Amino acid sequence: MGGIPAPAAPGGRVTPRLRVLEIDRRIEGDGRAVLRPRGELVRGGPGLLAETLAALPPGVRGIDLDMAGVTFMDSAGLEFLDTLAEHGRRRAVPVGTTGWRGQPRRVLELAGLDTTDPLRAPADGPAAPALASSAVARERAERLRLLEEEMRGLQAEIAQLRHAITSRPVIDQARGILMAAHACTSEQAWTILRQTSQLSNTKLRTVAAAVTASAGPGAPPPPPEIRTALRRAVARTLTD
């Protein structure tokens, strides 16, 4: 059994951590090897499969790939299949896949492949089709990659909007506290918060939470770096 680490999100975006891909293997009594990947099939998955195939004992009479444990795959899934098909051709052993469901099955549909077994031999020939090596498959893989990038961008935007929505109440409270404490306008209070965030290199929501938490009787003051930046921001804003 082996595994690959989840890849970092491009551009530094925060994304949910992927389930590490692992491949369990078992040799049946008839000499067939059963491989069961589990997790999310992304970049690095084809390499892990190649290592698993290379480690199979001599004399394996066929390979079955059970995909039921794969919960997500991107365009690397096409290369994954091509790795298995190429191994079958080199070793002259039959290969097949089963268990396609959920999002991985949808990827096969988008790529125009057989969702029961994309490695099934065509009626007019015995060989399993090459997938990632064909021009059509490369075009499909590129289309899937672009779609995945667009989906990740949308997910990042949704995450930012959700964060903005949850941050709004504490920011509004902090603005009200600053307006009362310094007899300033709502716009000036917003400028104070924003400048405090920049001067202290602290997230705006964290600054607002510190201001709000320090407003009650006997409440502790904001951390020193925020307190210093807040004084400078107030002086700048109210003397301009």
C-alpha atoms as a PDB file:
ATOM      1  CA  MET A   1       0.000   0.000   0.000  1.00  0.00           C
ATOM      2  CA  GLY A   2       1.347   3.468  -0.865  1.00  0.00           C
ATOM      3  CA  GLY A   3       0.220   7.068  -0.724  1.00  0.00           C
ATOM      4  CA  ILE A   4       0.913  10.513  -2.145  1.00  0.00           C
ATOM      5  CA  PRO A   5       0.567  13.819  -0.272  1.00  0.00           C
ATOM      6  CA  ALA A   6      -2.189  16.249  -1.213  1.00  0.00           C
ATOM      7  CA  PRO A   7      -0.877  19.017  -3.537  1.00  0.00           C
ATOM      8  CA  ALA A   8      -0.707  22.627  -2.406  1.00  0.00           C
ATOM      9  CA  ALA A   9      -3.367  24.936  -3.777  1.00  0.00           C
ATOM     10  CA  PRO A  10      -2.170  27.126  -6.700  1.00  0.00           C
ATOM     11  CA  GLY A  11      -1.624  30.798  -5.946  1.00  0.00           C
ATOM     12  CA  GLY A  12      -1.623  30.250  -2.198  1.00  0.00           C
ATOM     13  CA  ARG A  13      -5.387  29.907  -1.992  1.00  0.00           C
ATOM     14  CA  VAL A  14      -6.760  28.060   1.003  1.00  0.00           C
ATOM     15  CA  THR A  15      -8.563  24.895  -0.062  1.00  0.00           C
ATOM     16  CA  PRO A  16      -9.808  21.848   1.835  1.00  0.00           C
ATOM     17  CA  ARG A  17      -7.033  19.282   2.313  1.00  0.00           C
ATOM     18  CA  LEU A  18      -7.323  16.342  -0.055  1.00  0.00           C
ATOM     19  CA  ARG A  19      -7.552  12.753   1.135  1.00  0.00           C
ATOM     20  CA  VAL A  20      -4.217  11.103   0.386  1.00  0.00           C
ATOM     21  CA  LEU A  21      -4.445   8.536  -2.394  1.00  0.00           C
ATOM     22  CA  GLU A  22      -3.557   4.998  -1.357  1.00  0.00           C
ATOM     23  CA  ILE A  23      -3.649   1.798  -3.392  1.00  0.00           C
ATOM     24  CA  ASP A  24      -4.372  -1.552  -1.739  1.00  0.00           C
ATOM     25  CA  ARG A  25      -3.470  -4.684  -3.689  1.00  0.00           C
ATOM     26  CA  ARG A  26      -4.429  -8.328  -3.432  1.00  0.00           C
ATOM     27  CA  ILE A  27      -3.536 -11.382  -5.542  1.00  0.00           C
ATOM     28  CA  GLU A  28      -6.482 -13.703  -6.107  1.00  0.00           C
ATOM     29  CA  GLY A  29      -6.207 -17.488  -6.285  1.00  0.00           C
ATOM     30  CA  ASP A  30      -6.512 -17.420 -10.073  1.00  0.00           C
ATOM     31  CA  GLY A  31      -3.448 -15.179 -10.346  1.00  0.00           C
ATOM     32  CA  ARG A  32      -5.294 -11.911 -10.983  1.00  0.00           C
ATOM     33  CA  ALA A  33      -4.201  -8.793  -9.091  1.00  0.00           C
ATOM     34  CA  VAL A  34      -6.947  -6.596  -7.634  1.00  0.00           C
ATOM     35  CA  LEU A  35      -5.942  -2.970  -7.028  1.00  0.00           C
ATOM     36  CA  ARG A  36      -8.169  -0.729  -4.913  1.00  0.00           C
ATOM     37  CA  PRO A  37      -7.250   2.986  -4.907  1.00  0.00           C
ATOM     38  CA  ARG A  38      -8.727   5.005  -2.043  1.00  0.00           C
ATOM     39  CA  GLY A  39      -8.856   8.771  -1.686  1.00  0.00           C
ATOM     40  CA  GLU A  40      -8.572  11.556  -4.272  1.00  0.00           C
ATOM     41  CA  LEU A  41      -6.853  10.950  -7.597  1.00  0.00           C
ATOM     42  CA  VAL A  42      -4.891  14.078  -8.523  1.00  0.00           C
ATOM     43  CA  ARG A  43      -1.369  14.940  -9.662  1.00  0.00           C
ATOM     44  CA  GLY A  44       0.995  12.187  -8.541  1.00  0.00           C
ATOM     45  CA  GLY A  45      -1.615   9.435  -8.751  1.00  0.00           C
ATOM     46  CA  PRO A  46      -0.328   7.975 -12.043  1.00  0.00           C
ATOM     47  CA  GLY A  47       3.179   7.734 -10.596  1.00  0.00           C
ATOM     48  CA  LEU A  48       1.870   5.897  -7.540  1.00  0.00           C
ATOM     49  CA  LEU A  49       0.018   3.454  -9.788  1.00  0.00           C
ATOM     50  CA  ALA A  50       3.165   2.856 -11.861  1.00  0.00           C
ATOM     51  CA  GLU A  51       5.089   2.021  -8.679  1.00  0.00           C
ATOM     52  CA  THR A  52       2.336  -0.339  -7.524  1.00  0.00           C
ATOM     53  CA  LEU A  53       2.234  -2.106 -10.884  1.00  0.00           C
ATOM     54  CA  ALA A  54       6.029  -2.472 -10.961  1.00  0.00           C
ATOM     55  CA  ALA A  55       5.924  -4.115  -7.521  1.00  0.00           C
ATOM     56  CA  LEU A  56       3.443  -6.816  -8.546  1.00  0.00           C
ATOM     57  CA  PRO A  57       4.924 -10.316  -8.379  1.00  0.00           C
ATOM     58  CA  PRO A  58       5.882 -12.166 -11.587  1.00  0.00           C
ATOM     59  CA  GLY A  59       3.214 -14.350 -13.130  1.00  0.00           C
ATOM     60  CA  VAL A  60       0.226 -12.052 -12.548  1.00  0.00           C
ATOM     61  CA  ARG A  61      -2.397 -13.164 -15.060  1.00  0.00           C
ATOM     62  CA  GLY A  62      -4.517 -10.024 -15.131  1.00  0.00           C
ATOM     63  CA  ILE A  63      -5.216  -6.780 -13.281  1.00  0.00           C
ATOM     64  CA  ASP A  64      -8.553  -5.479 -12.025  1.00  0.00           C
ATOM     65  CA  LEU A  65      -8.739  -1.845 -10.870  1.00  0.00           C
ATOM     66  CA  ASP A  66     -11.616  -1.259  -8.431  1.00  0.00           C
ATOM     67  CA  MET A  67     -12.322   2.499  -8.359  1.00  0.00           C
ATOM     68  CA  ALA A  68     -15.150   2.424  -5.796  1.00  0.00           C
ATOM     69  CA  GLY A  69     -12.917   3.997  -3.122  1.00  0.00           C
ATOM     70  CA  VAL A  70     -11.933   7.034  -5.259  1.00  0.00           C
ATOM     71  CA  THR A  71     -14.085   9.996  -4.236  1.00  0.00           C
ATOM     72  CA  PHE A  72     -12.621  12.625  -6.580  1.00  0.00           C
ATOM     73  CA  MET A  73     -10.346  12.782  -9.600  1.00  0.00           C
ATOM     74  CA  ASP A  74      -9.172  15.480 -11.978  1.00  0.00           C
ATOM     75  CA  SER A  75      -7.608  15.124 -15.417  1.00  0.00           C
ATOM     76  CA  ALA A  76      -4.824  13.041 -13.839  1.00  0.00           C
ATOM     77  CA  GLY A  77      -7.391  10.239 -13.836  1.00  0.00           C
ATOM     78  CA  LEU A  78      -7.008   9.870 -17.615  1.00  0.00           C
ATOM     79  CA  GLU A  79      -3.241   9.478 -17.265  1.00  0.00           C
ATOM     80  CA  PHE A  80      -3.894   7.011 -14.438  1.00  0.00           C
ATOM     81  CA  LEU A  81      -5.941   4.859 -16.812  1.00  0.00           C
ATOM     82  CA  ASP A  82      -3.382   5.161 -19.574  1.00  0.00           C
ATOM     83  CA  THR A  83      -0.674   3.971 -17.165  1.00  0.00           C
ATOM     84  CA  LEU A  84      -2.691   0.817 -16.484  1.00  0.00           C
ATOM     85  CA  ALA A  85      -3.475   0.257 -20.177  1.00  0.00           C
ATOM     86  CA  GLU A  86       0.188   0.659 -21.152  1.00  0.00           C
ATOM     87  CA  HIS A  87       1.267  -1.786 -18.431  1.00  0.00           C
ATOM     88  CA  GLY A  88      -1.232  -4.333 -19.739  1.00  0.00           C
ATOM     89  CA  ARG A  89       0.114  -3.969 -23.278  1.00  0.00           C
ATOM     90  CA  ARG A  90       3.750  -4.306 -22.210  1.00  0.00           C
ATOM     91  CA  ARG A  91       3.122  -7.342 -20.017  1.00  0.00           C
ATOM     92  CA  ALA A  92       0.506  -8.889 -22.339  1.00  0.00           C
ATOM     93  CA  VAL A  93      -1.998  -9.250 -19.485  1.00  0.00           C
ATOM     94  CA  PRO A  94      -5.674  -8.245 -19.547  1.00  0.00           C
ATOM     95  CA  VAL A  95      -6.605  -5.163 -17.529  1.00  0.00           C
ATOM     96  CA  GLY A  96      -9.992  -3.767 -16.569  1.00  0.00           C
ATOM     97  CA  THR A  97     -11.688  -1.309 -14.219  1.00  0.00           C
ATOM     98  CA  THR A  98     -14.886  -1.386 -12.181  1.00  0.00           C
ATOM     99  CA  GLY A  99     -16.652   0.609  -9.482  1.00  0.00           C
ATOM    100  CA  TRP A 100     -16.955   3.995 -11.210  1.00  0.00           C
ATOM    101  CA  ARG A 101     -19.360   6.259  -9.366  1.00  0.00           C
ATOM    102  CA  GLY A 102     -19.917   9.825  -8.225  1.00  0.00           C
ATOM    103  CA  GLN A 103     -17.594  12.558  -9.475  1.00  0.00           C
ATOM    104  CA  PRO A 104     -15.026  10.192 -11.100  1.00  0.00           C
ATOM    105  CA  ARG A 105     -17.816   8.659 -13.180  1.00  0.00           C
ATOM    106  CA  ARG A 106     -18.863  12.168 -14.246  1.00  0.00           C
ATOM    107  CA  VAL A 107     -15.299  12.858 -15.421  1.00  0.00           C
ATOM    108  CA  LEU A 108     -15.484   9.770 -17.647  1.00  0.00           C
ATOM    109  CA  GLU A 109     -18.775  11.036 -19.077  1.00  0.00           C
ATOM    110  CA  LEU A 110     -17.258  14.453 -19.838  1.00  0.00           C
ATOM    111  CA  ALA A 111     -14.310  12.743 -21.520  1.00  0.00           C
ATOM    112  CA  GLY A 112     -16.667  10.595 -23.628  1.00  0.00           C
ATOM    113  CA  LEU A 113     -15.404   7.309 -22.147  1.00  0.00           C
ATOM    114  CA  ASP A 114     -17.210   4.116 -21.195  1.00  0.00           C
ATOM    115  CA  THR A 115     -18.408   4.613 -17.608  1.00  0.00           C
ATOM    116  CA  THR A 116     -18.573   0.876 -16.946  1.00  0.00           C
ATOM    117  CA  ASP A 117     -14.984   0.152 -17.978  1.00  0.00           C
ATOM    118  CA  PRO A 118     -13.076   2.843 -19.933  1.00  0.00           C
ATOM    119  CA  LEU A 119     -10.355   0.278 -20.717  1.00  0.00           C
ATOM    120  CA  ARG A 120     -12.736  -2.152 -22.363  1.00  0.00           C
ATOM    121  CA  ALA A 121     -11.368  -3.316 -25.713  1.00  0.00           C
ATOM    122  CA  PRO A 122     -13.301  -2.096 -28.783  1.00  0.00           C
ATOM    123  CA  ALA A 123     -15.287  -4.616 -30.796  1.00  0.00           C
ATOM    124  CA  ASP A 124     -12.849  -4.485 -33.748  1.00  0.00           C
ATOM    125  CA  GLY A 125      -9.622  -5.023 -31.839  1.00  0.00           C
ATOM    126  CA  PRO A 126      -8.187  -6.762 -28.772  1.00  0.00           C
ATOM    127  CA  ALA A 127      -6.081  -3.919 -27.383  1.00  0.00           C
ATOM    128  CA  ALA A 128      -7.281  -1.491 -24.737  1.00  0.00           C
ATOM    129  CA  PRO A 129      -7.337   2.055 -26.167  1.00  0.00           C
ATOM    130  CA  ALA A 130      -4.566   4.467 -25.317  1.00  0.00           C
ATOM    131  CA  LEU A 131      -6.116   7.375 -23.465  1.00  0.00           C
ATOM    132  CA  ALA A 132      -3.768  10.191 -22.516  1.00  0.00           C
ATOM    133  CA  SER A 133      -1.511   9.609 -25.524  1.00  0.00           C
ATOM    134  CA  SER A 134      -4.196  10.358 -28.133  1.00  0.00           C
ATOM    135  CA  ALA A 135      -4.818  13.875 -29.427  1.00  0.00           C
ATOM    136  CA  VAL A 136      -8.523  13.577 -28.576  1.00  0.00           C
ATOM    137  CA  ALA A 137      -7.769  12.487 -25.034  1.00  0.00           C
ATOM    138  CA  ARG A 138      -5.274  15.332 -24.583  1.00  0.00           C
ATOM    139  CA  GLU A 139      -7.914  17.792 -25.725  1.00  0.00           C
ATOM    140  CA  ARG A 140     -10.418  16.285 -23.284  1.00  0.00           C
ATOM    141  CA  ALA A 141      -7.865  16.397 -20.480  1.00  0.00           C
ATOM    142  CA  GLU A 142      -7.138  20.066 -21.199  1.00  0.00           C
ATOM    143  CA  ARG A 143     -10.849  20.853 -21.221  1.00  0.00           C
ATOM    144  CA  LEU A 144     -11.252  19.133 -17.871  1.00  0.00           C
ATOM    145  CA  ARG A 145      -8.231  20.981 -16.461  1.00  0.00           C
ATOM    146  CA  LEU A 146      -9.656  24.366 -17.453  1.00  0.00           C
ATOM    147  CA  LEU A 147     -13.018  23.419 -15.974  1.00  0.00           C
ATOM    148  CA  GLU A 148     -11.324  22.379 -12.730  1.00  0.00           C
ATOM    149  CA  GLU A 149      -9.424  25.684 -12.537  1.00  0.00           C
ATOM    150  CA  GLU A 150     -12.641  27.600 -13.065  1.00  0.00           C
ATOM    151  CA  MET A 151     -14.361  25.573 -10.336  1.00  0.00           C
ATOM    152  CA  ARG A 152     -11.486  26.199  -7.913  1.00  0.00           C
ATOM    153  CA  GLY A 153     -11.652  29.931  -8.666  1.00  0.00           C
ATOM    154  CA  LEU A 154     -15.392  29.968  -7.969  1.00  0.00           C
ATOM    155  CA  GLN A 155     -14.876  28.026  -4.733  1.00  0.00           C
ATOM    156  CA  ALA A 156     -12.271  30.566  -3.616  1.00  0.00           C
ATOM    157  CA  GLU A 157     -14.635  33.460  -4.374  1.00  0.00           C
ATOM    158  CA  ILE A 158     -17.442  31.768  -2.451  1.00  0.00           C
ATOM    159  CA  ALA A 159     -15.115  31.213   0.516  1.00  0.00           C
ATOM    160  CA  GLN A 160     -14.113  34.893   0.473  1.00  0.00           C
ATOM    161  CA  LEU A 161     -17.751  36.010   0.345  1.00  0.00           C
ATOM    162  CA  ARG A 162     -18.675  33.730   3.228  1.00  0.00           C
ATOM    163  CA  HIS A 163     -15.771  35.086   5.248  1.00  0.00           C
ATOM    164  CA  ALA A 164     -16.831  38.654   4.472  1.00  0.00           C
ATOM    165  CA  ILE A 165     -20.399  37.912   5.556  1.00  0.00           C
ATOM    166  CA  THR A 166     -19.317  36.366   8.863  1.00  0.00           C
ATOM    167  CA  SER A 167     -16.819  39.188   9.494  1.00  0.00           C
ATOM    168  CA  ARG A 168     -19.295  42.020   8.874  1.00  0.00           C
ATOM    169  CA  PRO A 169     -21.016  42.102  12.310  1.00  0.00           C
ATOM    170  CA  VAL A 170     -17.792  42.447  14.321  1.00  0.00           C
ATOM    171  CA  ILE A 171     -16.470  45.095  11.912  1.00  0.00           C
ATOM    172  CA  ASP A 172     -19.693  47.107  12.230  1.00  0.00           C
ATOM    173  CA  GLN A 173     -19.495  46.845  16.038  1.00  0.00           C
ATOM    174  CA  ALA A 174     -15.906  48.085  15.995  1.00  0.00           C
ATOM    175  CA  ARG A 175     -16.867  51.034  13.802  1.00  0.00           C
ATOM    176  CA  GLY A 176     -19.594  51.977  16.256  1.00  0.00           C
ATOM    177  CA  ILE A 177     -17.179  51.793  19.183  1.00  0.00           C
ATOM    178  CA  LEU A 178     -14.641  54.008  17.402  1.00  0.00           C
ATOM    179  CA  MET A 179     -17.351  56.528  16.449  1.00  0.00           C
ATOM    180  CA  ALA A 180     -18.430  56.791  20.086  1.00  0.00           C
ATOM    181  CA  ALA A 181     -14.889  56.915  21.465  1.00  0.00           C
ATOM    182  CA  HIS A 182     -13.511  59.500  19.047  1.00  0.00           C
ATOM    183  CA  ALA A 183     -16.624  61.406  17.949  1.00  0.00           C
ATOM    184  CA  CYS A 184     -15.868  60.551  14.333  1.00  0.00           C
ATOM    185  CA  THR A 185     -17.991  59.619  11.342  1.00  0.00           C
ATOM    186  CA  SER A 186     -18.681  56.107  10.117  1.00  0.00           C
ATOM    187  CA  GLU A 187     -16.330  56.661   7.188  1.00  0.00           C
ATOM    188  CA  GLN A 188     -13.552  57.893   9.489  1.00  0.00           C
ATOM    189  CA  ALA A 189     -14.044  54.859  11.748  1.00  0.00           C
ATOM    190  CA  TRP A 190     -13.702  52.581   8.715  1.00  0.00           C
ATOM    191  CA  THR A 191     -10.484  54.376   7.703  1.00  0.00           C
ATOM    192  CA  ILE A 192      -9.098  53.935  11.224  1.00  0.00           C
ATOM    193  CA  LEU A 193      -9.796  50.214  11.161  1.00  0.00           C
ATOM    194  CA  ARG A 194      -8.297  49.777   7.710  1.00  0.00           C
ATOM    195  CA  GLN A 195      -5.150  51.753   8.530  1.00  0.00           C
ATOM    196  CA  THR A 196      -4.731  49.891  11.831  1.00  0.00           C
ATOM    197  CA  SER A 197      -4.879  46.634   9.907  1.00  0.00           C
ATOM    198  CA  GLN A 198      -2.219  47.833   7.471  1.00  0.00           C
ATOM    199  CA  LEU A 199       0.083  49.371  10.103  1.00  0.00           C
ATOM    200  CA  SER A 200       0.002  46.298  12.334  1.00  0.00           C
ATOM    201  CA  ASN A 201      -0.007  43.792   9.471  1.00  0.00           C
ATOM    202  CA  THR A 202      -3.085  42.200  11.025  1.00  0.00           C
ATOM    203  CA  LYS A 203      -6.263  41.015   9.367  1.00  0.00           C
ATOM    204  CA  LEU A 204      -9.084  43.556   9.454  1.00  0.00           C
ATOM    205  CA  ARG A 205     -11.428  41.139  11.212  1.00  0.00           C
ATOM    206  CA  THR A 206      -8.809  40.490  13.919  1.00  0.00           C
ATOM    207  CA  VAL A 207      -8.380  44.238  14.490  1.00  0.00           C
ATOM    208  CA  ALA A 208     -12.153  44.716  14.713  1.00  0.00           C
ATOM    209  CA  ALA A 209     -12.480  41.816  17.158  1.00  0.00           C
ATOM    210  CA  ALA A 210      -9.715  43.281  19.359  1.00  0.00           C
ATOM    211  CA  VAL A 211     -11.393  46.708  19.389  1.00  0.00           C
ATOM    212  CA  THR A 212     -14.763  45.164  20.243  1.00  0.00           C
ATOM    213  CA  ALA A 213     -13.337  42.917  22.972  1.00  0.00           C
ATOM    214  CA  SER A 214     -11.610  45.875  24.663  1.00  0.00           C
ATOM    215  CA  ALA A 215     -14.764  47.990  24.878  1.00  0.00           C
ATOM    216  CA  GLY A 216     -16.400  46.362  27.890  1.00  0.00           C
ATOM    217  CA  PRO A 217     -15.829  47.359  31.535  1.00  0.00           C
ATOM    218  CA  GLY A 218     -12.596  45.838  32.818  1.00  0.00           C
ATOM    219  CA  ALA A 219     -11.859  44.318  29.417  1.00  0.00           C
ATOM    220  CA  PRO A 220      -8.198  43.862  28.440  1.00  0.00           C
ATOM    221  CA  PRO A 221      -6.772  46.329  25.910  1.00  0.00           C
ATOM    222  CA  PRO A 222      -5.890  45.203  22.388  1.00  0.00           C
ATOM    223  CA  PRO A 223      -2.483  43.554  21.854  1.00  0.00           C
ATOM    224  CA  PRO A 224       0.431  46.062  21.864  1.00  0.00           C
ATOM    225  CA  GLU A 225       0.998  46.017  18.098  1.00  0.00           C
ATOM    226  CA  ILE A 226      -2.696  46.705  17.421  1.00  0.00           C
ATOM    227  CA  ARG A 227      -2.879  49.333  20.180  1.00  0.00           C
ATOM    228  CA  THR A 228       0.128  51.207  18.760  1.00  0.00           C
ATOM    229  CA  ALA A 229      -1.188  51.012  15.204  1.00  0.00           C
ATOM    230  CA  LEU A 230      -4.635  52.147  16.379  1.00  0.00           C
ATOM    231  CA  ARG A 231      -3.231  55.282  18.014  1.00  0.00           C
ATOM    232  CA  ARG A 232      -1.324  56.157  14.831  1.00  0.00           C
ATOM    233  CA  ALA A 233      -4.383  55.498  12.652  1.00  0.00           C
ATOM    234  CA  VAL A 234      -6.607  57.695  14.854  1.00  0.00           C
ATOM    235  CA  ALA A 235      -4.057  60.519  14.798  1.00  0.00           C
ATOM    236  CA  ARG A 236      -3.672  60.326  11.025  1.00  0.00           C
ATOM    237  CA  THR A 237      -7.377  60.165  10.284  1.00  0.00           C
ATOM    238  CA  LEU A 238      -8.649  62.802  12.667  1.00  0.00           C
ATOM    239  CA  THR A 239      -5.940  65.371  11.961  1.00  0.00           C
ATOM    240  CA  ASP A 240      -6.117  65.200   8.144  1.00  0.00           C
END
